[in-house]
Amino acid sequence: MHELSDSEQAERKLLHALAQFKDALVLDIGAGDGRFVAHYGAQAAFIHLIDLDIDDLADARQLLGDAGVTRYGLHNTTAERLPFPSEHFDLAVFSWSL
């Protein structure tokens, strides 16, 4: 799991300043270990985490469980091969994936 310090909660504050997560169906592309999802996961209706690194997705499962986030799906795929219909999400998040 990737550990980066954010003692001032800058990541959480920025995410919530940029988007409304409450009751949203969220697609997190390049979700990695789920670190950003942990900042908003409890508010979202459901989050689909997309990442190519299967080990990161396993870490995400652990981190989200520890954070009490229960409404999510993990997908080992790319943004070009999304297994969802068009216009399915309220919000798409790209964090460290660009």
C-alpha atoms as a PDB file:
ATOM      1  CA  MET A   1       0.000   0.000   0.000  1.00  0.00           C
ATOM      2  CA  HIS A   2       1.260   3.486  -0.827  1.00  0.00           C
ATOM      3  CA  GLU A   3       1.569   5.686   2.218  1.00  0.00           C
ATOM      4  CA  LEU A   4       1.711   9.443   1.602  1.00  0.00           C
ATOM      5  CA  SER A   5       1.250  11.874   4.438  1.00  0.00           C
ATOM      6  CA  ASP A   6      -1.609  14.360   4.172  1.00  0.00           C
ATOM      7  CA  SER A   7      -1.814  15.599   7.744  1.00  0.00           C
ATOM      8  CA  GLU A   8      -3.519  18.840   6.683  1.00  0.00           C
ATOM      9  CA  GLN A   9      -6.184  16.915   4.738  1.00  0.00           C
ATOM     10  CA  ALA A  10      -5.351  18.865   1.563  1.00  0.00           C
ATOM     11  CA  GLU A  11      -6.397  15.978  -0.686  1.00  0.00           C
ATOM     12  CA  ARG A  12      -9.775  15.607   1.002  1.00  0.00           C
ATOM     13  CA  LYS A  13     -10.402  19.358   0.956  1.00  0.00           C
ATOM     14  CA  LEU A  14      -9.472  19.660  -2.722  1.00  0.00           C
ATOM     15  CA  LEU A  15     -11.616  16.717  -3.790  1.00  0.00           C
ATOM     16  CA  HIS A  16     -14.648  18.089  -1.965  1.00  0.00           C
ATOM     17  CA  ALA A  17     -14.044  21.613  -3.311  1.00  0.00           C
ATOM     18  CA  LEU A  18     -14.052  20.311  -6.882  1.00  0.00           C
ATOM     19  CA  ALA A  19     -16.907  17.811  -6.836  1.00  0.00           C
ATOM     20  CA  GLN A  20     -20.112  16.809  -5.075  1.00  0.00           C
ATOM     21  CA  PHE A  21     -19.846  13.154  -4.044  1.00  0.00           C
ATOM     22  CA  LYS A  22     -23.024  12.842  -1.996  1.00  0.00           C
ATOM     23  CA  ASP A  23     -25.205  10.087  -3.460  1.00  0.00           C
ATOM     24  CA  ALA A  24     -23.191  10.101  -6.713  1.00  0.00           C
ATOM     25  CA  LEU A  25     -22.369   7.098  -8.866  1.00  0.00           C
ATOM     26  CA  VAL A  26     -18.611   7.581  -9.262  1.00  0.00           C
ATOM     27  CA  LEU A  27     -16.052   6.155 -11.660  1.00  0.00           C
ATOM     28  CA  ASP A  28     -12.487   6.443 -10.325  1.00  0.00           C
ATOM     29  CA  ILE A  29     -10.061   5.793 -13.184  1.00  0.00           C
ATOM     30  CA  GLY A  30      -6.559   4.869 -12.120  1.00  0.00           C
ATOM     31  CA  ALA A  31      -7.788   4.418  -8.568  1.00  0.00           C
ATOM     32  CA  GLY A  32      -4.622   2.659  -7.450  1.00  0.00           C
ATOM     33  CA  ASP A  33      -4.799   1.607  -3.825  1.00  0.00           C
ATOM     34  CA  GLY A  34      -8.025   3.572  -3.195  1.00  0.00           C
ATOM     35  CA  ARG A  35      -6.388   6.335  -1.188  1.00  0.00           C
ATOM     36  CA  PHE A  36      -8.481   9.106  -2.773  1.00  0.00           C
ATOM     37  CA  VAL A  37     -11.667   7.033  -2.684  1.00  0.00           C
ATOM     38  CA  ALA A  38     -11.284   6.755   1.084  1.00  0.00           C
ATOM     39  CA  HIS A  39     -11.763  10.562   1.232  1.00  0.00           C
ATOM     40  CA  TYR A  40     -15.218  10.495  -0.368  1.00  0.00           C
ATOM     41  CA  GLY A  41     -16.358   6.872  -0.447  1.00  0.00           C
ATOM     42  CA  ALA A  42     -18.727   7.069   2.512  1.00  0.00           C
ATOM     43  CA  GLN A  43     -20.737   9.824   0.804  1.00  0.00           C
ATOM     44  CA  ALA A  44     -21.037   8.313  -2.664  1.00  0.00           C
ATOM     45  CA  ALA A  45     -23.896   6.032  -3.624  1.00  0.00           C
ATOM     46  CA  PHE A  46     -21.420   3.643  -5.282  1.00  0.00           C
ATOM     47  CA  ILE A  47     -17.873   3.841  -6.633  1.00  0.00           C
ATOM     48  CA  HIS A  48     -16.328   1.789  -9.431  1.00  0.00           C
ATOM     49  CA  LEU A  49     -12.534   1.708  -9.080  1.00  0.00           C
ATOM     50  CA  ILE A  50     -10.619   1.083 -12.314  1.00  0.00           C
ATOM     51  CA  ASP A  51      -6.932   0.165 -12.333  1.00  0.00           C
ATOM     52  CA  LEU A  52      -4.532  -2.048 -14.276  1.00  0.00           C
ATOM     53  CA  ASP A  53      -2.521  -3.033 -11.196  1.00  0.00           C
ATOM     54  CA  ILE A  54      -4.265  -5.992  -9.552  1.00  0.00           C
ATOM     55  CA  ASP A  55      -2.091  -5.624  -6.439  1.00  0.00           C
ATOM     56  CA  ASP A  56      -3.201  -2.008  -6.033  1.00  0.00           C
ATOM     57  CA  LEU A  57      -6.825  -3.104  -6.291  1.00  0.00           C
ATOM     58  CA  ALA A  58      -6.220  -5.676  -3.550  1.00  0.00           C
ATOM     59  CA  ASP A  59      -4.731  -2.886  -1.426  1.00  0.00           C
ATOM     60  CA  ALA A  60      -7.793  -0.764  -2.206  1.00  0.00           C
ATOM     61  CA  ARG A  61     -10.092  -3.508  -0.928  1.00  0.00           C
ATOM     62  CA  GLN A  62      -8.189  -3.497   2.378  1.00  0.00           C
ATOM     63  CA  LEU A  63      -7.994   0.297   2.691  1.00  0.00           C
ATOM     64  CA  LEU A  64     -11.668   0.826   1.877  1.00  0.00           C
ATOM     65  CA  GLY A  65     -12.683  -1.877   4.319  1.00  0.00           C
ATOM     66  CA  ASP A  66     -10.611  -0.187   7.012  1.00  0.00           C
ATOM     67  CA  ALA A  67     -12.261   3.156   6.115  1.00  0.00           C
ATOM     68  CA  GLY A  68     -15.763   1.647   6.345  1.00  0.00           C
ATOM     69  CA  VAL A  69     -16.497   2.115   2.626  1.00  0.00           C
ATOM     70  CA  THR A  70     -18.745  -0.750   1.505  1.00  0.00           C
ATOM     71  CA  ARG A  71     -20.398   0.385  -1.741  1.00  0.00           C
ATOM     72  CA  TYR A  72     -17.760  -0.146  -4.402  1.00  0.00           C
ATOM     73  CA  GLY A  73     -16.645  -2.412  -7.216  1.00  0.00           C
ATOM     74  CA  LEU A  74     -13.073  -3.184  -8.287  1.00  0.00           C
ATOM     75  CA  HIS A  75     -12.286  -3.542 -11.992  1.00  0.00           C
ATOM     76  CA  ASN A  76      -8.954  -4.610 -13.469  1.00  0.00           C
ATOM     77  CA  THR A  77      -9.299  -2.809 -16.802  1.00  0.00           C
ATOM     78  CA  THR A  78      -8.511   0.412 -18.656  1.00  0.00           C
ATOM     79  CA  ALA A  79     -10.564   3.536 -19.291  1.00  0.00           C
ATOM     80  CA  GLU A  80     -10.713   2.522 -22.952  1.00  0.00           C
ATOM     81  CA  ARG A  81     -12.407  -0.777 -22.079  1.00  0.00           C
ATOM     82  CA  LEU A  82     -14.990   0.223 -19.510  1.00  0.00           C
ATOM     83  CA  PRO A  83     -17.600  -2.466 -18.893  1.00  0.00           C
ATOM     84  CA  PHE A  84     -20.416   0.076 -18.452  1.00  0.00           C
ATOM     85  CA  PRO A  85     -22.980   1.738 -20.720  1.00  0.00           C
ATOM     86  CA  SER A  86     -22.418   5.302 -21.925  1.00  0.00           C
ATOM     87  CA  GLU A  87     -23.492   8.106 -19.604  1.00  0.00           C
ATOM     88  CA  HIS A  88     -23.705   5.686 -16.675  1.00  0.00           C
ATOM     89  CA  PHE A  89     -21.909   7.836 -14.060  1.00  0.00           C
ATOM     90  CA  ASP A  90     -22.590  11.096 -12.267  1.00  0.00           C
ATOM     91  CA  LEU A  91     -18.904  11.802 -11.807  1.00  0.00           C
ATOM     92  CA  ALA A  92     -15.556  10.529 -13.102  1.00  0.00           C
ATOM     93  CA  VAL A  93     -12.366  11.046 -11.109  1.00  0.00           C
ATOM     94  CA  PHE A  94      -8.828  10.966 -12.462  1.00  0.00           C
ATOM     95  CA  SER A  95      -6.333  11.532  -9.680  1.00  0.00           C
ATOM     96  CA  TRP A  96      -2.804  10.243 -10.245  1.00  0.00           C
ATOM     97  CA  SER A  97      -3.637   8.549 -13.543  1.00  0.00           C
ATOM     98  CA  LEU A  98      -2.847  11.411 -15.915  1.00  0.00           C
END
